[in-house]
Amino acid sequence: MTSRFVPPRLLRNTHTQSLLASAGPRKYLSLRRAKTLTAAAEEVILDCGDQVRLQGFYSAHSAQPGKKLVIFLHGWLGSESSSYLLSAAAKLYDNGFDVFRLNLRDHGDTHHLNSELFHSARLQEVINAMAEIQRLYPHDTYYLCGFSLGGNFALRVSAEHNQDNTRFDSVVAVCPVINPECAMATISTAMWVYPWYFVQKWKRSLRKKLAHFPELGFGEALQSARNLDDMNRFFVPQHTPYLELCDYFKAYSVAGERLSGIRVPTHIIHAADDPVVSAADLQQASRDGRLSVEITEHGGHCGFLKNYRLHSWIDDRLLQLFT
């Protein structure tokens, strides 16, 4: 399905869309527009089993909570306060939805909560977090939305969660990672700002982790790493259950038949000009009858900015899909 999203001419550049998605003036604007949402937010530390703790922020409408809850998942090295997520969450909150913004392990200010490092194959703790959220906050309907790597998690939750413990009425993944190996190659060969950005943010996150758990002892390796390949070659065999990069990437890939078990209506929104996660990767994923795909010509990576006030078309689209 091709969608008609046409931003103003000066916002049609893929890098403009992508870089403004979570930085620059949009960061300030998103924070300001989300004041009502964040003022209502309650910090929650979720017990996800096996001594795993994840942090989230729950914003309920005091007048009539319990009707509709949207759970949001941010992208890699983002957080519950990433501009693209805050913007969408505020839009839905202002239209009557309760909102839960979940931080993945070692994202946001959560490096102290768990001794072991985050990696993208940690699906079970995210599924357990979904079950705990729904136990703590009973609602009539539940929706799940993830961006980028969070979109990848959302797709895996949709395909693999146990409906006895969790239920979702609809799931949306925005610019999700489909084939991690391809996505890493795309980032590594993209315009210099993208690999630089991810390396710097990953290093910053790992330094925070090391400050809380110096016994992890990866300071020297972190210092010597120059690019994403260097970091993956060290951290995957040392801090995940996978000795080979290819096995790690396969563990959280949703290419092939991984999505053939989709259990709830699930919708992917992607931009054809995404410079971080190529829309061509969508061809590698199995199309289940409950999975639909919507591709826009413009939008970059999680941008979809529709006007010069830096409002996002995605916010409007989510409201349509969840109403």
Protein backbone atom coordinates (compact mmCIF):
# COMPACT_ATOMS: atom_id res chain seq x y z
CA MET A 1 0.00 0.00 0.00
CA THR A 2 1.39 3.38 -1.01
CA SER A 3 0.36 6.26 1.23
CA ARG A 4 0.09 9.89 0.20
CA PHE A 5 2.24 11.84 2.64
CA VAL A 6 3.61 14.94 0.93
CA PRO A 7 5.66 17.26 3.17
CA PRO A 8 6.51 20.85 2.19
CA ARG A 9 9.24 21.09 -0.43
CA LEU A 10 11.98 22.13 2.01
CA LEU A 11 11.19 19.15 4.23
CA ARG A 12 11.29 16.49 1.51
CA ASN A 13 14.98 15.73 1.86
CA THR A 14 15.51 12.39 3.56
CA HIS A 15 18.30 13.67 5.80
CA THR A 16 16.29 16.71 6.88
CA GLN A 17 13.44 14.43 7.89
CA SER A 18 15.69 11.92 9.63
CA LEU A 19 17.92 14.33 11.53
CA LEU A 20 15.01 16.48 12.71
CA ALA A 21 13.11 13.40 13.90
CA SER A 22 14.78 13.48 17.30
CA ALA A 23 17.13 16.46 17.41
CA GLY A 24 17.40 20.19 16.88
CA PRO A 25 14.36 22.43 17.30
CA ARG A 26 11.97 19.49 17.25
CA LYS A 27 13.38 18.25 20.55
CA TYR A 28 12.36 21.50 22.23
CA LEU A 29 8.99 21.60 20.48
CA SER A 30 8.15 17.99 21.37
CA LEU A 31 8.96 18.56 25.03
CA ARG A 32 6.80 21.65 25.10
CA ARG A 33 3.89 19.98 23.33
CA ALA A 34 4.08 16.97 25.66
CA LYS A 35 3.81 18.95 28.90
CA THR A 36 0.35 17.63 29.72
CA LEU A 37 1.48 14.05 29.08
CA THR A 38 4.68 14.32 31.12
CA ALA A 39 2.97 16.19 33.97
CA ALA A 40 0.62 13.23 34.37
CA ALA A 41 3.43 10.65 34.13
CA GLU A 42 4.08 8.20 36.95
CA GLU A 43 7.45 6.43 36.99
CA VAL A 44 7.10 2.65 37.22
CA ILE A 45 9.78 -0.02 37.76
CA LEU A 46 8.49 -3.24 36.27
CA ASP A 47 9.38 -6.68 37.59
CA CYS A 48 10.04 -8.62 34.38
CA GLY A 49 11.12 -11.89 35.98
CA ASP A 50 14.61 -13.38 36.46
CA GLN A 51 15.53 -10.28 38.51
CA VAL A 52 15.14 -8.06 35.44
CA ARG A 53 13.75 -4.59 36.03
CA LEU A 54 12.62 -2.18 33.33
CA GLN A 55 11.49 1.41 33.76
CA GLY A 56 8.46 3.02 32.23
CA PHE A 57 6.23 6.07 32.56
CA TYR A 58 2.46 5.75 32.79
CA SER A 59 0.21 8.72 31.99
CA ALA A 60 -3.47 8.21 32.76
CA HIS A 61 -6.43 10.51 32.35
CA SER A 62 -7.73 11.17 35.84
CA ALA A 63 -11.30 11.67 34.61
CA GLN A 64 -11.75 8.34 32.81
CA PRO A 65 -8.75 5.98 32.89
CA GLY A 66 -8.94 2.36 31.87
CA LYS A 67 -10.45 2.60 28.41
CA LYS A 68 -7.57 2.66 25.89
CA LEU A 69 -3.86 2.20 26.60
CA VAL A 70 -1.06 2.67 24.07
CA ILE A 71 2.36 1.24 24.94
CA PHE A 72 5.28 2.89 23.16
CA LEU A 73 8.75 1.46 22.39
CA HIS A 74 11.60 3.75 21.32
CA GLY A 75 14.42 3.02 18.89
CA TRP A 76 17.99 1.87 19.53
CA LEU A 77 19.81 4.29 21.85
CA GLY A 78 16.68 6.40 22.16
CA SER A 79 14.40 6.57 25.18
CA GLU A 80 10.87 7.21 26.35
CA SER A 81 11.60 10.91 25.91
CA SER A 82 12.84 10.72 22.30
CA SER A 83 11.17 13.47 20.29
CA TYR A 84 9.45 11.20 17.75
CA LEU A 85 7.98 9.09 20.58
CA LEU A 86 6.98 12.03 22.79
CA SER A 87 5.26 13.69 19.85
CA ALA A 88 3.15 10.63 19.05
CA ALA A 89 2.44 9.86 22.71
CA ALA A 90 1.28 13.43 23.39
CA LYS A 91 -1.02 13.39 20.37
CA LEU A 92 -2.74 10.21 21.52
CA TYR A 93 -2.87 11.32 25.16
CA ASP A 94 -4.49 14.60 24.15
CA ASN A 95 -7.10 12.56 22.28
CA GLY A 96 -8.14 10.47 25.26
CA PHE A 97 -5.68 7.56 25.29
CA ASP A 98 -3.77 6.52 28.38
CA VAL A 99 -0.07 6.08 27.55
CA PHE A 100 2.78 3.89 28.80
CA ARG A 101 6.28 4.74 27.55
CA LEU A 102 8.68 1.85 28.17
CA ASN A 103 12.45 2.14 28.34
CA LEU A 104 14.33 -0.86 27.05
CA ARG A 105 17.18 -2.11 29.21
CA ASP A 106 20.11 0.38 29.42
CA HIS A 107 18.12 3.12 27.67
CA GLY A 108 17.21 6.44 29.22
CA ASP A 109 18.55 6.62 32.77
CA THR A 110 18.23 2.91 33.52
CA HIS A 111 21.79 1.59 33.28
CA HIS A 112 21.83 0.88 37.02
CA LEU A 113 18.77 -1.38 37.04
CA ASN A 114 20.36 -4.54 35.58
CA SER A 115 23.94 -5.77 35.72
CA GLU A 116 24.02 -7.39 32.28
CA LEU A 117 24.11 -5.34 29.07
CA PHE A 118 21.23 -4.69 26.71
CA HIS A 119 21.17 -6.57 23.45
CA SER A 120 18.46 -6.72 20.83
CA ALA A 121 17.66 -10.41 21.28
CA ARG A 122 16.27 -9.79 24.79
CA LEU A 123 12.68 -10.28 23.66
CA GLN A 124 11.33 -12.22 26.62
CA GLU A 125 11.88 -9.42 29.12
CA VAL A 126 9.97 -7.06 26.84
CA ILE A 127 7.10 -9.56 26.54
CA ASN A 128 7.16 -9.93 30.34
CA ALA A 129 7.07 -6.14 30.65
CA MET A 130 3.95 -6.06 28.45
CA ALA A 131 2.27 -8.63 30.70
CA GLU A 132 3.19 -6.69 33.83
CA ILE A 133 1.92 -3.41 32.37
CA GLN A 134 -1.40 -5.02 31.54
CA ARG A 135 -1.61 -6.61 35.00
CA LEU A 136 -0.93 -3.30 36.73
CA TYR A 137 -3.13 -1.20 34.45
CA PRO A 138 -6.26 -3.05 33.27
CA HIS A 139 -7.80 -1.45 30.18
CA ASP A 140 -10.55 -2.31 27.74
CA THR A 141 -8.22 -2.09 24.73
CA TYR A 142 -4.44 -2.23 24.31
CA TYR A 143 -2.29 -0.90 21.48
CA LEU A 144 1.44 -1.22 20.87
CA CYS A 145 3.60 1.12 18.80
CA GLY A 146 7.35 0.83 18.23
CA PHE A 147 9.82 2.94 16.29
CA SER A 148 12.89 1.56 14.46
CA LEU A 149 14.40 -1.12 16.74
CA GLY A 150 11.34 -0.65 18.94
CA GLY A 151 9.30 -1.44 15.83
CA ASN A 152 11.27 -4.65 15.46
CA PHE A 153 10.47 -5.55 19.09
CA ALA A 154 6.79 -4.69 18.48
CA LEU A 155 6.65 -7.02 15.48
CA ARG A 156 8.24 -9.86 17.46
CA VAL A 157 5.85 -9.28 20.35
CA SER A 158 2.94 -9.42 17.91
CA ALA A 159 4.20 -12.67 16.43
CA GLU A 160 5.36 -14.44 19.59
CA HIS A 161 3.55 -13.21 22.71
CA ASN A 162 1.34 -15.57 24.69
CA GLN A 163 -2.25 -14.41 24.42
CA ASP A 164 -3.04 -15.96 27.79
CA ASN A 165 -0.83 -13.33 29.45
CA THR A 166 -1.09 -10.34 27.11
CA ARG A 167 -3.45 -9.09 24.46
CA PHE A 168 -3.28 -6.35 21.87
CA ASP A 169 -6.03 -4.99 19.71
CA SER A 170 -3.58 -3.47 17.21
CA VAL A 171 0.18 -3.14 16.72
CA VAL A 172 2.03 -0.55 14.63
CA ALA A 173 5.74 -0.58 13.73
CA VAL A 174 7.24 2.63 12.30
CA CYS A 175 10.40 2.17 10.17
CA PRO A 176 11.14 -1.17 11.87
CA VAL A 177 14.39 -3.07 11.56
CA ILE A 178 13.58 -6.13 9.43
CA ASN A 179 16.99 -7.66 8.72
CA PRO A 180 19.52 -6.42 11.32
CA GLU A 181 22.52 -7.42 9.23
CA CYS A 182 21.25 -5.33 6.32
CA ALA A 183 20.32 -2.46 8.64
CA MET A 184 23.80 -2.40 10.19
CA ALA A 185 25.38 -2.39 6.73
CA THR A 186 23.07 0.46 5.66
CA ILE A 187 24.00 2.56 8.69
CA SER A 188 27.72 1.83 8.30
CA THR A 189 27.77 2.94 4.66
CA ALA A 190 25.35 5.87 5.02
CA MET A 191 26.31 9.53 5.11
CA TRP A 192 28.99 9.97 7.79
CA VAL A 193 26.66 11.58 10.33
CA TYR A 194 24.65 8.36 10.85
CA PRO A 195 27.47 5.94 11.78
CA TRP A 196 29.13 8.70 13.80
CA TYR A 197 25.87 9.38 15.66
CA PHE A 198 25.27 5.74 16.56
CA VAL A 199 28.88 5.10 17.61
CA GLN A 200 28.91 8.16 19.86
CA LYS A 201 25.56 7.34 21.46
CA TRP A 202 26.46 3.68 21.95
CA LYS A 203 29.79 4.61 23.55
CA ARG A 204 28.08 7.13 25.82
CA SER A 205 25.58 4.48 26.91
CA LEU A 206 28.31 1.92 27.56
CA ARG A 207 30.31 4.40 29.63
CA LYS A 208 27.25 4.93 31.81
CA LYS A 209 26.93 1.17 32.22
CA LEU A 210 30.60 0.83 33.15
CA ALA A 211 30.27 3.59 35.76
CA HIS A 212 27.61 1.50 37.54
CA PHE A 213 29.24 -1.88 36.94
CA PRO A 214 33.03 -1.42 36.60
CA GLU A 215 33.49 -5.18 36.97
CA LEU A 216 32.26 -5.52 33.38
CA GLY A 217 35.75 -4.38 32.45
CA PHE A 218 35.27 -3.38 28.82
CA GLY A 219 36.78 0.09 29.15
CA GLU A 220 39.87 -0.66 27.06
CA ALA A 221 37.87 -2.28 24.26
CA LEU A 222 35.49 0.66 24.25
CA GLN A 223 38.36 3.12 24.03
CA SER A 224 39.90 1.37 21.03
CA ALA A 225 36.66 0.84 19.05
CA ARG A 226 36.45 3.20 16.07
CA ASN A 227 33.27 2.15 14.30
CA LEU A 228 30.17 -0.02 14.58
CA ASP A 229 31.98 -3.06 13.18
CA ASP A 230 34.64 -2.80 15.89
CA MET A 231 32.03 -2.55 18.60
CA ASN A 232 29.90 -5.40 17.30
CA ARG A 233 32.91 -7.69 16.91
CA PHE A 234 33.78 -7.21 20.58
CA PHE A 235 30.46 -6.83 22.36
CA VAL A 236 28.45 -9.55 20.62
CA PRO A 237 30.67 -12.54 21.54
CA GLN A 238 31.55 -11.05 24.95
CA HIS A 239 28.15 -9.82 26.14
CA THR A 240 25.47 -11.83 24.31
CA PRO A 241 24.83 -15.60 24.08
CA TYR A 242 26.03 -15.54 20.45
CA LEU A 243 29.60 -16.19 19.38
CA GLU A 244 29.04 -15.14 15.78
CA LEU A 245 27.59 -11.86 14.55
CA CYS A 246 25.43 -13.64 11.99
CA ASP A 247 23.78 -15.72 14.73
CA TYR A 248 23.10 -12.60 16.80
CA PHE A 249 21.53 -10.78 13.87
CA LYS A 250 19.37 -13.81 13.05
CA ALA A 251 18.15 -13.92 16.65
CA TYR A 252 16.24 -10.67 16.28
CA SER A 253 15.62 -10.62 12.55
CA VAL A 254 12.00 -10.65 11.41
CA ALA A 255 12.92 -11.62 7.85
CA GLY A 256 11.77 -14.92 6.43
CA GLU A 257 8.88 -16.64 8.22
CA ARG A 258 9.34 -14.93 11.61
CA LEU A 259 6.17 -12.87 11.15
CA SER A 260 4.04 -15.71 9.82
CA GLY A 261 2.67 -16.19 13.33
CA ILE A 262 1.28 -12.66 13.69
CA ARG A 263 -1.62 -12.92 16.12
CA VAL A 264 -3.20 -9.46 16.00
CA PRO A 265 -3.77 -6.83 13.30
CA THR A 266 -0.31 -5.38 12.72
CA HIS A 267 0.64 -2.46 10.52
CA ILE A 268 4.08 -1.40 9.26
CA ILE A 269 4.67 2.20 8.17
CA HIS A 270 7.91 2.83 6.30
CA ALA A 271 9.40 5.56 4.15
CA ALA A 272 10.85 4.66 0.77
CA ASP A 273 13.67 7.16 1.37
CA ASP A 274 14.67 5.90 4.84
CA PRO A 275 18.51 6.22 5.00
CA VAL A 276 18.90 4.09 8.13
CA VAL A 277 16.62 1.09 7.59
CA SER A 278 16.06 0.43 3.90
CA ALA A 279 12.45 -0.07 2.88
CA ALA A 280 13.74 -2.72 0.45
CA ASP A 281 14.28 -4.99 3.47
CA LEU A 282 10.49 -5.32 3.76
CA GLN A 283 10.59 -7.69 0.78
CA GLN A 284 12.41 -10.20 3.00
CA ALA A 285 9.53 -10.51 5.49
CA SER A 286 6.67 -12.96 5.16
CA ARG A 287 3.29 -11.25 4.68
CA ASP A 288 0.76 -12.79 7.01
CA GLY A 289 -2.90 -11.99 6.45
CA ARG A 290 -2.93 -9.87 9.61
CA LEU A 291 0.14 -7.87 8.56
CA SER A 292 -0.26 -4.81 6.36
CA VAL A 293 2.45 -2.51 5.01
CA GLU A 294 2.17 1.19 4.19
CA ILE A 295 5.00 2.96 2.35
CA THR A 296 5.36 6.69 1.88
CA GLU A 297 7.61 8.34 -0.69
CA HIS A 298 9.08 10.72 1.90
CA GLY A 299 9.62 10.64 5.64
CA GLY A 300 13.21 9.57 6.22
CA HIS A 301 13.84 7.54 9.36
CA CYS A 302 10.98 8.10 11.85
CA GLY A 303 10.56 11.69 10.68
CA PHE A 304 7.39 12.16 8.60
CA LEU A 305 7.38 15.89 9.38
CA LYS A 306 4.35 17.40 7.68
CA ASN A 307 4.84 21.15 8.14
CA TYR A 308 7.32 23.82 9.17
CA ARG A 309 6.04 23.70 12.74
CA LEU A 310 7.56 20.19 12.75
CA HIS A 311 4.36 18.31 13.48
CA SER A 312 4.51 14.66 12.41
CA TRP A 313 2.11 12.95 10.04
CA ILE A 314 2.78 9.72 11.97
CA ASP A 315 0.96 11.16 15.00
CA ASP A 316 -2.18 11.68 12.92
CA ARG A 317 -1.83 8.26 11.29
CA LEU A 318 -1.55 6.49 14.64
CA LEU A 319 -4.66 8.24 15.85
CA GLN A 320 -6.49 6.96 12.75
CA LEU A 321 -5.21 3.41 13.16
CA PHE A 322 -5.98 3.20 16.89
CA THR A 323 -9.44 4.77 16.74
